[in-house]
Amino acid sequence: MPKEKFFDPRKPFQSQRPETHEEWQARMGGEVLAVVRSGLYLDFRFLDMALSALNPAPDERCRVLATDGQTLYYQPQRLLQLYQENPKYLNRLYLHTIFHCVFRHLWLKGRREPQLWSLACDIAVENVIDSLQRKSVMRPLTYVRQNAYRQITAEEKVVAAAPVYRWLTRQTPGVLRLQYRFRYGHPFRNLVSVLIRGDDLFLMFYCTCAVADLVHIRQNSPQLLQLGIIQRHYLLAILVCRHVCGKYGQNILPMDGH
């Protein structure tokens, strides 16, 4: 039985038939990753071996990038879209994935709760990237991140995956919801794209988190409610939630908005 041949996105495309759109996307995705890797080399020359250690391969099952420690899987369409819209974020995502392998997060989970361990690993990796302060991967340091880094350092001394996991296990559900913004960002940064897609499930998720955070702010930091941007954001969340609830004949929010 002949050995199965896999498509290598790093090699020039050679075929006796016309290239399909899916093949073009996979090939261009491989070239985009090569460009991203080359850009990171300039800022992180000490990571030259790590940056080139994973072999890229297209995979429609992942969101953008994923790895098993040997292969760097990418979703071609989303990768190309992200490269076009926000190449700096793609740089950071590539380095984020590499650091998970460098710190052996994939093999140290043990019997820990999977989702909480994944969040702890993300916080640990993001702390390292933020501390490097390199232009190619720099992003604004939000209050949520600053506060989390400060609390973890005060209680656990070091922001590594295992100490962060211990810290997360001691937090309340409201605090954990804030920490998940390391992965998803503020709900309203994605609200426009969710509205365009018409995805009511994700729309409710973002808005419900926003309303829950408003309750948390009222109880712990009421002075923040004086900020006009927070008032506008949460008013929009309440209005959108009412729209979706009315669409399905349900009402989960009090009509007075409190």
Protein backbone atom coordinates (compact mmCIF):
# COMPACT_ATOMS: atom_id res chain seq x y z
CA MET A 1 0.00 0.00 0.00
CA PRO A 2 1.56 3.35 -1.05
CA LYS A 3 2.47 5.77 1.71
CA GLU A 4 0.00 8.63 2.15
CA LYS A 5 1.37 12.03 1.15
CA PHE A 6 0.50 15.12 3.19
CA PHE A 7 0.40 18.67 1.87
CA ASP A 8 3.37 20.75 3.03
CA PRO A 9 2.43 24.48 2.98
CA ARG A 10 6.09 25.49 3.09
CA LYS A 11 6.89 24.04 -0.34
CA PRO A 12 6.04 25.79 -3.65
CA PHE A 13 2.76 24.62 -5.14
CA GLN A 14 3.26 22.19 -8.00
CA SER A 15 0.39 20.39 -9.65
CA GLN A 16 -0.82 19.31 -13.08
CA ARG A 17 -4.33 20.53 -12.26
CA PRO A 18 -5.59 24.02 -11.29
CA GLU A 19 -5.18 24.96 -7.62
CA THR A 20 -8.44 24.89 -5.63
CA HIS A 21 -9.49 27.73 -3.36
CA GLU A 22 -8.93 25.57 -0.26
CA GLU A 23 -5.43 24.66 -1.43
CA TRP A 24 -4.65 28.30 -2.09
CA GLN A 25 -5.82 29.26 1.40
CA ALA A 26 -3.71 26.50 2.98
CA ARG A 27 -0.66 27.56 0.97
CA MET A 28 -1.12 31.24 1.78
CA GLY A 29 -1.67 30.38 5.44
CA GLY A 30 1.70 28.65 5.49
CA GLU A 31 3.32 31.70 3.91
CA VAL A 32 1.66 34.02 6.44
CA LEU A 33 3.05 31.94 9.31
CA ALA A 34 6.49 32.14 7.73
CA VAL A 35 6.20 35.94 7.57
CA VAL A 36 5.03 36.10 11.20
CA ARG A 37 7.88 33.85 12.30
CA SER A 38 10.44 35.96 10.44
CA GLY A 39 9.12 39.13 12.10
CA LEU A 40 9.36 37.56 15.55
CA TYR A 41 12.96 36.52 14.88
CA LEU A 42 13.94 40.20 14.85
CA ASP A 43 12.60 40.82 18.36
CA PHE A 44 13.26 37.37 19.85
CA ARG A 45 16.53 36.09 18.44
CA PHE A 46 17.06 33.99 21.55
CA LEU A 47 13.93 32.01 20.57
CA ASP A 48 15.10 31.06 17.06
CA MET A 49 14.97 27.30 17.74
CA ALA A 50 11.59 27.48 19.52
CA LEU A 51 9.94 29.61 16.84
CA SER A 52 10.85 27.10 14.12
CA ALA A 53 10.29 23.92 16.15
CA LEU A 54 6.65 23.32 15.14
CA ASN A 55 5.71 22.13 11.66
CA PRO A 56 2.68 24.05 10.27
CA ALA A 57 -0.31 22.09 9.00
CA PRO A 58 -3.80 23.28 7.95
CA ASP A 59 -6.66 22.02 10.10
CA GLU A 60 -10.27 23.16 9.79
CA ARG A 61 -11.09 22.06 13.36
CA CYS A 62 -9.10 24.74 15.23
CA ARG A 63 -10.17 28.36 15.72
CA VAL A 64 -6.98 30.04 14.45
CA LEU A 65 -3.87 28.36 15.89
CA ALA A 66 -3.45 25.21 17.97
CA THR A 67 -0.65 22.80 18.79
CA ASP A 68 -0.03 19.34 20.20
CA GLY A 69 3.63 20.06 20.89
CA GLN A 70 4.83 18.79 17.51
CA THR A 71 2.63 20.45 14.88
CA LEU A 72 1.30 23.99 14.60
CA TYR A 73 -2.25 23.64 13.29
CA TYR A 74 -3.95 26.60 11.66
CA GLN A 75 -7.38 27.32 10.22
CA PRO A 76 -6.50 28.86 6.83
CA GLN A 77 -9.50 31.15 6.33
CA ARG A 78 -9.47 32.62 9.85
CA LEU A 79 -5.69 32.93 9.81
CA LEU A 80 -5.74 34.97 6.60
CA GLN A 81 -8.58 37.13 7.91
CA LEU A 82 -6.74 37.82 11.16
CA TYR A 83 -3.52 38.63 9.31
CA GLN A 84 -5.39 41.15 7.20
CA GLU A 85 -7.26 42.76 10.11
CA ASN A 86 -4.73 42.66 12.97
CA PRO A 87 -1.25 41.30 12.15
CA LYS A 88 0.18 42.35 15.53
CA TYR A 89 -2.39 40.21 17.33
CA LEU A 90 -1.36 37.28 15.12
CA ASN A 91 2.26 37.84 16.14
CA ARG A 92 1.22 37.65 19.77
CA LEU A 93 -0.94 34.57 19.19
CA TYR A 94 1.95 32.76 17.47
CA LEU A 95 4.34 33.58 20.33
CA HIS A 96 1.65 32.65 22.87
CA THR A 97 1.35 29.20 21.31
CA ILE A 98 5.13 28.71 21.28
CA PHE A 99 5.45 29.68 24.95
CA HIS A 100 2.89 27.03 25.93
CA CYS A 101 5.34 24.46 24.53
CA VAL A 102 8.41 26.15 26.03
CA PHE A 103 6.84 26.05 29.51
CA ARG A 104 5.53 22.47 28.93
CA HIS A 105 1.96 23.45 29.79
CA LEU A 106 0.59 20.70 27.55
CA TRP A 107 2.19 17.98 29.67
CA LEU A 108 1.86 19.31 33.21
CA LYS A 109 -1.92 19.37 33.63
CA GLY A 110 -2.16 16.15 35.62
CA ARG A 111 -5.53 15.84 37.39
CA ARG A 112 -6.24 19.57 37.43
CA GLU A 113 -9.56 20.89 36.15
CA PRO A 114 -8.98 21.35 32.38
CA GLN A 115 -10.65 24.74 31.79
CA LEU A 116 -9.15 26.32 34.89
CA TRP A 117 -5.71 24.94 34.03
CA SER A 118 -6.01 26.30 30.49
CA LEU A 119 -6.88 29.74 31.88
CA ALA A 120 -3.96 29.58 34.34
CA CYS A 121 -1.57 28.73 31.51
CA ASP A 122 -2.92 31.61 29.41
CA ILE A 123 -2.44 34.10 32.26
CA ALA A 124 1.11 32.86 32.88
CA VAL A 125 2.05 33.13 29.19
CA GLU A 126 0.42 36.53 28.75
CA ASN A 127 2.30 37.82 31.79
CA VAL A 128 5.60 36.81 30.19
CA ILE A 129 4.70 38.44 26.85
CA ASP A 130 3.53 41.64 28.57
CA SER A 131 6.74 41.82 30.61
CA LEU A 132 8.93 41.53 27.49
CA GLN A 133 7.56 44.84 26.12
CA ARG A 134 8.59 44.15 22.55
CA LYS A 135 6.98 46.27 19.85
CA SER A 136 5.98 43.36 17.62
CA VAL A 137 3.69 41.88 20.30
CA MET A 138 2.90 44.87 22.54
CA ARG A 139 -0.70 45.60 23.50
CA PRO A 140 -2.30 47.96 26.05
CA LEU A 141 -2.18 46.54 29.56
CA THR A 142 -5.78 46.62 30.80
CA TYR A 143 -6.88 47.11 34.39
CA VAL A 144 -8.01 43.48 34.58
CA ARG A 145 -4.53 42.26 33.68
CA GLN A 146 -2.70 44.70 35.92
CA ASN A 147 -4.90 43.81 38.89
CA ALA A 148 -4.57 40.06 38.28
CA TYR A 149 -0.78 40.21 37.96
CA ARG A 150 -0.56 42.29 41.14
CA GLN A 151 -2.77 39.98 43.19
CA ILE A 152 -1.09 36.78 41.99
CA THR A 153 2.37 38.20 42.68
CA ALA A 154 1.30 39.28 46.17
CA GLU A 155 -0.25 35.92 47.07
CA GLU A 156 1.85 33.42 45.10
CA LYS A 157 5.12 35.34 44.55
CA VAL A 158 5.43 34.26 40.90
CA VAL A 159 3.02 34.32 37.92
CA ALA A 160 3.55 30.76 36.67
CA ALA A 161 0.90 28.25 35.62
CA ALA A 162 0.78 26.17 38.82
CA PRO A 163 0.70 29.14 41.25
CA VAL A 164 -1.89 30.90 39.07
CA TYR A 165 -4.03 27.75 39.12
CA ARG A 166 -3.90 27.70 42.94
CA TRP A 167 -4.88 31.37 42.97
CA LEU A 168 -7.80 30.79 40.59
CA THR A 169 -9.19 27.96 42.73
CA ARG A 170 -9.59 30.44 45.60
CA GLN A 171 -11.49 33.05 43.56
CA THR A 172 -15.23 33.71 43.45
CA PRO A 173 -17.24 33.13 40.24
CA GLY A 174 -17.36 36.88 39.58
CA VAL A 175 -13.58 37.19 39.71
CA LEU A 176 -13.18 34.14 37.50
CA ARG A 177 -15.48 35.71 34.94
CA LEU A 178 -13.20 38.75 34.87
CA GLN A 179 -10.15 36.53 34.39
CA TYR A 180 -11.69 34.88 31.34
CA ARG A 181 -11.26 38.23 29.62
CA PHE A 182 -7.63 37.23 29.20
CA ARG A 183 -8.94 34.92 26.55
CA TYR A 184 -12.01 36.65 25.16
CA GLY A 185 -11.35 40.34 25.83
CA HIS A 186 -13.99 42.82 26.91
CA PRO A 187 -17.47 41.76 25.72
CA PHE A 188 -18.01 44.97 23.78
CA ARG A 189 -14.86 44.63 21.71
CA ASN A 190 -16.53 41.67 20.01
CA LEU A 191 -20.11 42.91 20.19
CA VAL A 192 -20.14 44.46 16.69
CA SER A 193 -18.88 41.28 14.98
CA VAL A 194 -21.39 39.20 16.94
CA LEU A 195 -24.21 41.52 15.89
CA ILE A 196 -23.11 41.23 12.24
CA ARG A 197 -23.07 37.42 12.45
CA GLY A 198 -26.50 37.42 14.08
CA ASP A 199 -25.31 34.87 16.64
CA ASP A 200 -27.87 35.24 19.43
CA LEU A 201 -26.17 32.69 21.70
CA PHE A 202 -22.85 34.52 21.75
CA LEU A 203 -24.64 37.85 21.92
CA MET A 204 -26.41 36.75 25.08
CA PHE A 205 -23.14 35.45 26.53
CA TYR A 206 -21.34 38.76 26.07
CA CYS A 207 -24.21 40.89 27.29
CA THR A 208 -25.01 38.68 30.27
CA CYS A 209 -21.36 38.86 31.37
CA ALA A 210 -21.50 42.64 31.03
CA VAL A 211 -24.63 42.95 33.17
CA ALA A 212 -23.13 40.61 35.79
CA ASP A 213 -19.98 42.74 35.86
CA LEU A 214 -22.13 45.83 36.40
CA VAL A 215 -23.58 44.23 39.54
CA HIS A 216 -20.05 43.41 40.68
CA ILE A 217 -18.92 47.01 40.11
CA ARG A 218 -21.92 48.37 41.99
CA GLN A 219 -21.08 46.26 45.00
CA ASN A 220 -17.29 46.74 45.05
CA SER A 221 -16.35 49.89 43.10
CA PRO A 222 -19.45 52.14 42.81
CA GLN A 223 -17.27 55.17 41.95
CA LEU A 224 -16.58 53.60 38.53
CA LEU A 225 -20.24 54.00 37.61
CA GLN A 226 -19.59 57.73 37.21
CA LEU A 227 -17.57 56.99 34.06
CA GLY A 228 -19.73 57.75 31.03
CA ILE A 229 -18.25 54.98 28.87
CA ILE A 230 -19.18 52.30 31.41
CA GLN A 231 -22.72 53.66 31.66
CA ARG A 232 -23.14 53.63 27.86
CA HIS A 233 -21.70 50.12 27.50
CA TYR A 234 -23.94 48.54 30.08
CA LEU A 235 -27.02 50.38 28.91
CA LEU A 236 -26.36 48.94 25.44
CA ALA A 237 -25.94 45.47 26.97
CA ILE A 238 -29.30 45.70 28.74
CA LEU A 239 -31.06 46.93 25.59
CA VAL A 240 -29.58 44.18 23.41
CA CYS A 241 -30.43 41.52 26.01
CA ARG A 242 -34.05 42.70 26.06
CA HIS A 243 -34.15 42.56 22.25
CA VAL A 244 -32.90 38.95 22.15
CA CYS A 245 -35.15 37.89 25.02
CA GLY A 246 -38.16 39.46 23.32
CA LYS A 247 -37.27 37.64 20.10
CA TYR A 248 -37.62 34.30 21.90
CA GLY A 249 -40.50 35.33 24.15
CA GLN A 250 -38.41 35.28 27.33
CA ASN A 251 -37.58 37.93 29.90
CA ILE A 252 -34.56 37.36 32.11
CA LEU A 253 -33.86 41.02 32.93
CA PRO A 254 -35.88 43.27 35.26
CA MET A 255 -37.62 46.00 33.32
CA ASP A 256 -36.18 48.79 35.46
CA GLY A 257 -32.63 47.88 34.34
CA HIS A 258 -31.34 47.26 37.91
